[in-house]
Amino acid sequence: MLSTQPRTQLPLYGLQVFECSARHLSFTLAADELCVSQGAVSKQIAQLEARLGHLLFVRGTRCLTLTPAAERLLPFVREGLARMGEGLSALQTLPHEQAISIKVPSCASRWLLRRLQAFEGEAVEVRGSHSHGIDFSREPFDLAIVYQPCLGRYPHSQPLFRERLTPVCAPAFAAKHRLFERDLNELPLLPLIHASADRRDWRNWFAAFLDIPWQPQGGQLFDTLDLAMNAALQGFGLSLGDPTIVAEELESGALVAPFAPVLETDHEYALLARPDSRRHGVQRVCHWLLEGEGHP
C-alpha cells in the first residue's frame, strides 16, 4: 500500500517526471519534453521509487513498462497535475494585481515562504534563484534576499540572520547509522552530502570541530544547499543545514540534528530594497521581514 505523504513533503517535480515518463514509456522522450538530460530523469525516478518503496518501471532494452504500483499511482498523479493546471488557469482570469516581487536564493526560499504565510496585505511574488546577489539596474525586482559576507555587505543591506551550519539528516538515516551514539571524529566515515564542488562547508565545519584533519573523498554532490537539503530529507546522507532555514523541518521531525556543534560562518542573509522604489507595499513587506513576526 502506498503511504500517505504530508503535503509539504510531496515530491512534486518527481511526480511530474513520473507522469511524463509513464506517458511516453521512455526516459529519453520524457527528458526531451522536460528539457533535461536522460540521466536527470532516471535520477528523479530512482529517488521517487526509493521514497515510495516501490518500483515504478520495468526497464526494458527498448522501452519501459509500468509496474502494478505505477498503474495504481498514475491516475492520481494525472488528476492532481490536471487540477493544479486548472487552478493556475483560473488565476489568470482574475484582475491583475502588481505583486511585490522578491528575489531569493533557492536555499533561503524555505525561510522566506514560511515568514510570508502569515503576512496580510500586498500580493507577493517570490522567485527562487541560484544567484546569491542582485543587480537592480538589470533585474526587475522590488526586494532581494542576498547571501553575503558579513564584512563585505551590499550598501544599505539590512541583515536578516547570520548563517549557521550543523549536520542534519532524515530520522531513518540517523537510526540506521546510530548517529546519536557516534563520536564527532567518526563523521568523515559516513555518507556525506555536499552543496558545492569544493566541499567548503564540510571542510570548514570539520576544521572547527574535529580533532583530526579531514581529507575530502566521495559523498553525494549537489549544486545548491536547497538540493542538498532535499537529498537529506529523502535519506541520502548527512548534510550541513542552517537551523534557521530548516527550522520547520527540525520541529516537525522530518530532519534531525544528531550532533550539537553549530558553526557560525562569516556570511549572512540580508534584505535589500530597490533604491528608487516608492511603493508603500515594499516598505510593509520589509518591515514584516525585519521587525514583525517573521523576524527570526
Protein backbone atom coordinates (compact mmCIF):
# COMPACT_ATOMS: atom_id res chain seq x y z
CA MET A 1 0.00 0.00 0.00
CA LEU A 2 1.39 3.41 -0.94
CA SER A 3 1.99 5.56 2.13
CA THR A 4 0.32 8.93 2.63
CA GLN A 5 2.79 11.81 2.32
CA PRO A 6 2.34 15.18 4.11
CA ARG A 7 1.55 17.85 1.53
CA THR A 8 4.61 19.88 2.50
CA GLN A 9 6.82 16.92 1.61
CA LEU A 10 5.24 15.81 -1.66
CA PRO A 11 7.93 15.31 -4.34
CA LEU A 12 6.02 17.36 -6.92
CA TYR A 13 8.78 17.52 -9.52
CA GLY A 14 9.45 13.81 -9.19
CA LEU A 15 5.75 13.10 -9.74
CA GLN A 16 5.74 15.33 -12.83
CA VAL A 17 8.74 13.41 -14.19
CA PHE A 18 6.97 10.13 -13.39
CA GLU A 19 3.81 11.18 -15.26
CA CYS A 20 5.80 12.31 -18.30
CA SER A 21 7.86 9.10 -18.34
CA ALA A 22 4.73 6.98 -17.97
CA ARG A 23 3.03 8.83 -20.83
CA HIS A 24 5.95 8.26 -23.19
CA LEU A 25 7.13 4.96 -21.70
CA SER A 26 10.59 6.37 -22.32
CA PHE A 27 13.06 8.27 -20.17
CA THR A 28 14.62 9.72 -23.33
CA LEU A 29 11.35 11.20 -24.63
CA ALA A 30 10.46 12.44 -21.14
CA ALA A 31 13.84 14.17 -20.93
CA ASP A 32 13.22 15.85 -24.30
CA GLU A 33 9.82 17.15 -23.17
CA LEU A 34 11.14 18.40 -19.82
CA CYS A 35 14.32 19.89 -21.36
CA VAL A 36 16.62 17.95 -19.04
CA SER A 37 19.07 15.10 -19.51
CA GLN A 38 18.03 11.45 -19.54
CA GLY A 39 20.26 10.96 -16.51
CA ALA A 40 18.33 13.63 -14.61
CA VAL A 41 15.05 11.86 -15.40
CA SER A 42 16.45 8.49 -14.32
CA LYS A 43 17.70 10.01 -11.08
CA GLN A 44 14.33 11.59 -10.28
CA ILE A 45 12.55 8.29 -10.90
CA ALA A 46 15.07 6.38 -8.76
CA GLN A 47 14.62 8.88 -5.92
CA LEU A 48 10.82 8.64 -6.20
CA GLU A 49 10.96 4.84 -6.18
CA ALA A 50 13.20 4.90 -3.12
CA ARG A 51 10.83 7.27 -1.35
CA LEU A 52 7.71 5.25 -2.18
CA GLY A 53 9.34 1.88 -1.58
CA HIS A 54 8.03 0.55 -4.91
CA LEU A 55 9.49 0.11 -8.37
CA LEU A 56 7.53 2.15 -10.89
CA PHE A 57 9.02 0.93 -14.17
CA VAL A 58 10.40 -2.29 -15.57
CA ARG A 59 13.44 -1.14 -17.58
CA GLY A 60 13.48 -2.98 -20.91
CA THR A 61 16.03 -2.76 -23.70
CA ARG A 62 13.73 -0.73 -25.97
CA CYS A 63 11.01 0.70 -23.74
CA LEU A 64 9.63 0.98 -20.23
CA THR A 65 6.75 -0.98 -18.74
CA LEU A 66 4.63 0.25 -15.85
CA THR A 67 4.62 -1.87 -12.72
CA PRO A 68 1.34 -2.55 -10.84
CA ALA A 69 2.33 0.12 -8.30
CA ALA A 70 2.81 2.66 -11.10
CA GLU A 71 -0.53 1.77 -12.70
CA ARG A 72 -2.21 2.36 -9.36
CA LEU A 73 -0.42 5.65 -8.73
CA LEU A 74 -0.62 7.16 -12.23
CA PRO A 75 -4.36 8.14 -12.30
CA PHE A 76 -3.99 10.05 -9.03
CA VAL A 77 -0.89 11.87 -10.26
CA ARG A 78 -2.53 12.82 -13.55
CA GLU A 79 -5.64 14.08 -11.78
CA GLY A 80 -3.56 16.09 -9.32
CA LEU A 81 -1.44 17.71 -12.04
CA ALA A 82 -4.56 18.48 -14.07
CA ARG A 83 -6.24 20.13 -11.07
CA MET A 84 -3.17 22.26 -10.40
CA GLY A 85 -3.18 23.31 -14.05
CA GLU A 86 -6.86 24.28 -13.77
CA GLY A 87 -6.08 26.31 -10.66
CA LEU A 88 -3.29 28.21 -12.39
CA SER A 89 -5.54 28.89 -15.37
CA ALA A 90 -8.27 30.18 -13.07
CA LEU A 91 -5.87 32.68 -11.54
CA GLN A 92 -5.21 34.16 -14.97
CA THR A 93 -8.85 35.25 -15.18
CA LEU A 94 -8.60 37.36 -12.00
CA PRO A 95 -7.92 41.11 -12.24
CA HIS A 96 -4.19 41.68 -12.44
CA GLU A 97 -2.52 42.95 -9.29
CA GLN A 98 1.02 44.22 -9.39
CA ALA A 99 2.70 41.97 -6.86
CA ILE A 100 5.72 42.85 -4.78
CA SER A 101 8.49 40.79 -6.39
CA ILE A 102 11.22 39.26 -4.24
CA LYS A 103 14.35 37.53 -5.50
CA VAL A 104 15.67 34.93 -3.08
CA PRO A 105 18.45 32.31 -3.23
CA SER A 106 16.83 28.90 -3.55
CA CYS A 107 18.42 27.79 -0.28
CA ALA A 108 16.63 30.58 1.65
CA SER A 109 13.25 30.19 -0.06
CA ARG A 110 12.02 27.85 2.70
CA TRP A 111 12.64 30.54 5.31
CA LEU A 112 11.02 33.30 3.25
CA LEU A 113 7.89 31.35 2.35
CA ARG A 114 7.28 30.44 5.99
CA ARG A 115 7.66 34.09 7.00
CA LEU A 116 5.19 35.21 4.35
CA GLN A 117 2.49 32.69 5.30
CA ALA A 118 1.08 34.99 7.97
CA PHE A 119 1.64 38.22 6.02
CA GLU A 120 -1.58 40.01 5.10
CA GLY A 121 -1.72 42.80 2.60
CA GLU A 122 0.08 43.16 -0.71
CA ALA A 123 0.39 40.22 -3.06
CA VAL A 124 3.95 38.92 -3.04
CA GLU A 125 5.69 37.14 -5.91
CA VAL A 126 8.69 35.05 -4.86
CA ARG A 127 11.25 33.93 -7.43
CA GLY A 128 13.95 31.47 -6.43
CA SER A 129 17.39 31.84 -7.98
CA HIS A 130 20.74 30.06 -7.92
CA SER A 131 22.33 33.52 -7.78
CA HIS A 132 23.15 34.89 -4.32
CA GLY A 133 23.25 38.56 -5.36
CA ILE A 134 21.16 41.24 -7.09
CA ASP A 135 21.69 43.93 -9.71
CA PHE A 136 18.67 46.26 -9.55
CA SER A 137 19.83 48.07 -12.69
CA ARG A 138 19.26 44.87 -14.70
CA GLU A 139 16.80 42.83 -12.64
CA PRO A 140 13.16 43.94 -12.18
CA PHE A 141 12.71 43.04 -8.51
CA ASP A 142 11.34 45.20 -5.70
CA LEU A 143 13.22 43.32 -2.99
CA ALA A 144 16.02 40.79 -2.79
CA ILE A 145 17.35 38.50 -0.12
CA VAL A 146 21.10 38.20 -0.63
CA TYR A 147 23.74 35.88 0.77
CA GLN A 148 26.78 38.00 1.52
CA PRO A 149 29.97 38.22 3.62
CA CYS A 150 29.33 39.94 6.93
CA LEU A 151 32.29 42.25 6.26
CA GLY A 152 31.58 42.87 2.57
CA ARG A 153 27.96 43.87 2.55
CA TYR A 154 25.87 45.48 -0.14
CA PRO A 155 25.33 49.17 0.64
CA HIS A 156 22.05 49.70 2.55
CA SER A 157 21.51 45.98 3.09
CA GLN A 158 19.71 45.03 6.31
CA PRO A 159 20.81 41.75 7.98
CA LEU A 160 18.13 39.11 8.48
CA PHE A 161 20.14 36.32 10.09
CA ARG A 162 23.69 35.04 10.33
CA GLU A 163 24.45 31.74 8.60
CA ARG A 164 24.93 28.81 10.98
CA LEU A 165 25.64 25.23 9.95
CA THR A 166 25.07 21.94 11.75
CA PRO A 167 24.76 18.33 10.49
CA VAL A 168 21.17 17.30 9.70
CA CYS A 169 19.62 14.18 8.21
CA ALA A 170 16.42 12.15 8.00
CA PRO A 171 15.45 10.28 11.21
CA ALA A 172 15.69 6.91 9.44
CA PHE A 173 19.24 7.68 8.32
CA ALA A 174 20.19 8.71 11.87
CA ALA A 175 18.74 5.48 13.27
CA LYS A 176 20.38 3.29 10.62
CA HIS A 177 23.82 4.73 11.32
CA ARG A 178 23.25 5.17 15.10
CA LEU A 179 24.28 8.80 14.82
CA PHE A 180 23.16 9.79 18.30
CA GLU A 181 25.74 7.34 19.68
CA ARG A 182 28.62 8.38 17.41
CA ASP A 183 31.69 10.43 18.20
CA LEU A 184 32.31 13.53 16.08
CA ASN A 185 35.56 12.11 14.74
CA GLU A 186 33.58 9.28 13.12
CA LEU A 187 31.62 11.68 10.91
CA PRO A 188 34.02 11.56 7.93
CA LEU A 189 33.27 7.83 7.61
CA LEU A 190 29.55 8.46 6.99
CA PRO A 191 27.78 9.20 3.66
CA LEU A 192 28.05 12.98 3.40
CA ILE A 193 26.06 15.35 1.19
CA HIS A 194 27.89 18.35 -0.27
CA ALA A 195 26.30 21.58 -1.53
CA SER A 196 29.31 22.68 -3.62
CA ALA A 197 32.07 21.03 -5.62
CA ASP A 198 34.81 22.37 -3.33
CA ARG A 199 33.05 20.84 -0.28
CA ARG A 200 33.93 24.01 1.62
CA ASP A 201 31.04 23.81 4.12
CA TRP A 202 32.07 20.42 5.46
CA ARG A 203 35.74 21.39 5.22
CA ASN A 204 35.16 24.45 7.44
CA TRP A 205 32.91 22.56 9.84
CA PHE A 206 35.38 19.73 10.31
CA ALA A 207 38.25 22.20 10.75
CA ALA A 208 36.31 23.85 13.57
CA PHE A 209 35.19 20.77 15.47
CA LEU A 210 37.30 17.70 14.61
CA ASP A 211 40.48 16.68 16.38
CA ILE A 212 41.89 15.13 13.20
CA PRO A 213 42.38 16.57 9.68
CA TRP A 214 39.74 15.72 7.09
CA GLN A 215 40.54 14.74 3.51
CA PRO A 216 37.53 15.11 1.15
CA GLN A 217 36.55 11.91 -0.58
CA GLY A 218 33.32 10.63 -2.12
CA GLY A 219 29.89 11.69 -0.95
CA GLN A 220 26.83 12.99 -2.76
CA LEU A 221 27.50 16.27 -4.60
CA PHE A 222 24.78 18.83 -5.43
CA ASP A 223 24.81 22.31 -6.95
CA THR A 224 22.90 24.13 -4.20
CA LEU A 225 22.15 23.93 -0.48
CA ASP A 226 18.45 23.52 -1.30
CA LEU A 227 19.12 20.38 -3.36
CA ALA A 228 21.37 19.09 -0.59
CA MET A 229 18.55 19.61 1.93
CA ASN A 230 16.10 17.74 -0.30
CA ALA A 231 18.56 14.85 -0.53
CA ALA A 232 18.92 14.82 3.26
CA LEU A 233 15.13 14.80 3.66
CA GLN A 234 14.99 11.73 1.42
CA GLY A 235 17.58 9.88 3.50
CA PHE A 236 20.55 10.03 1.11
CA GLY A 237 23.05 11.09 3.76
CA LEU A 238 24.19 13.68 6.28
CA SER A 239 24.17 17.30 5.13
CA LEU A 240 25.07 20.61 6.71
CA GLY A 241 22.00 22.76 7.18
CA ASP A 242 21.19 26.14 8.65
CA PRO A 243 18.87 25.67 11.68
CA THR A 244 17.12 28.94 10.83
CA ILE A 245 16.31 27.83 7.28
CA VAL A 246 15.24 24.28 8.17
CA ALA A 247 13.56 25.17 11.48
CA GLU A 248 10.19 23.80 10.38
CA GLU A 249 11.69 20.51 9.22
CA LEU A 250 13.51 20.14 12.54
CA GLU A 251 10.39 20.97 14.55
CA SER A 252 8.25 18.51 12.59
CA GLY A 253 10.84 15.74 12.86
CA ALA A 254 11.36 15.49 9.10
CA LEU A 255 15.01 16.28 9.87
CA VAL A 256 17.07 15.69 13.00
CA ALA A 257 20.31 17.30 14.17
CA PRO A 258 22.23 14.45 15.84
CA PHE A 259 25.32 16.49 16.76
CA ALA A 260 25.41 19.56 18.99
CA PRO A 261 28.13 21.77 17.43
CA VAL A 262 26.86 24.65 15.28
CA LEU A 263 29.33 26.60 13.15
CA GLU A 264 28.62 30.32 12.80
CA THR A 265 30.09 31.32 9.45
CA ASP A 266 31.28 34.71 8.22
CA HIS A 267 28.25 35.04 5.91
CA GLU A 268 24.72 36.27 6.42
CA TYR A 269 21.36 36.60 4.70
CA ALA A 270 20.24 40.19 4.26
CA LEU A 271 17.38 42.18 2.75
CA LEU A 272 17.79 44.77 0.00
CA ALA A 273 15.12 47.08 -1.43
CA ARG A 274 15.22 48.70 -4.86
CA PRO A 275 16.80 52.11 -4.18
CA ASP A 276 14.30 54.06 -6.28
CA SER A 277 11.19 52.25 -5.01
CA ARG A 278 8.42 54.40 -3.52
CA ARG A 279 5.79 51.67 -3.27
CA HIS A 280 4.20 51.56 0.17
CA GLY A 281 3.76 47.81 -0.13
CA VAL A 282 7.53 47.32 -0.41
CA GLN A 283 8.04 49.07 2.91
CA ARG A 284 5.35 46.94 4.57
CA VAL A 285 6.99 43.72 3.42
CA CYS A 286 10.41 44.98 4.57
CA HIS A 287 9.02 45.87 7.99
CA TRP A 288 7.37 42.47 8.32
CA LEU A 289 10.52 40.55 7.47
CA LEU A 290 12.84 42.71 9.59
CA GLU A 291 10.78 43.60 12.65
CA GLY A 292 7.45 41.79 12.54
CA GLU A 293 6.51 38.28 13.48
CA GLY A 294 8.51 36.98 10.55
CA HIS A 295 11.86 38.00 12.04
CA PRO A 296 13.83 35.04 13.42
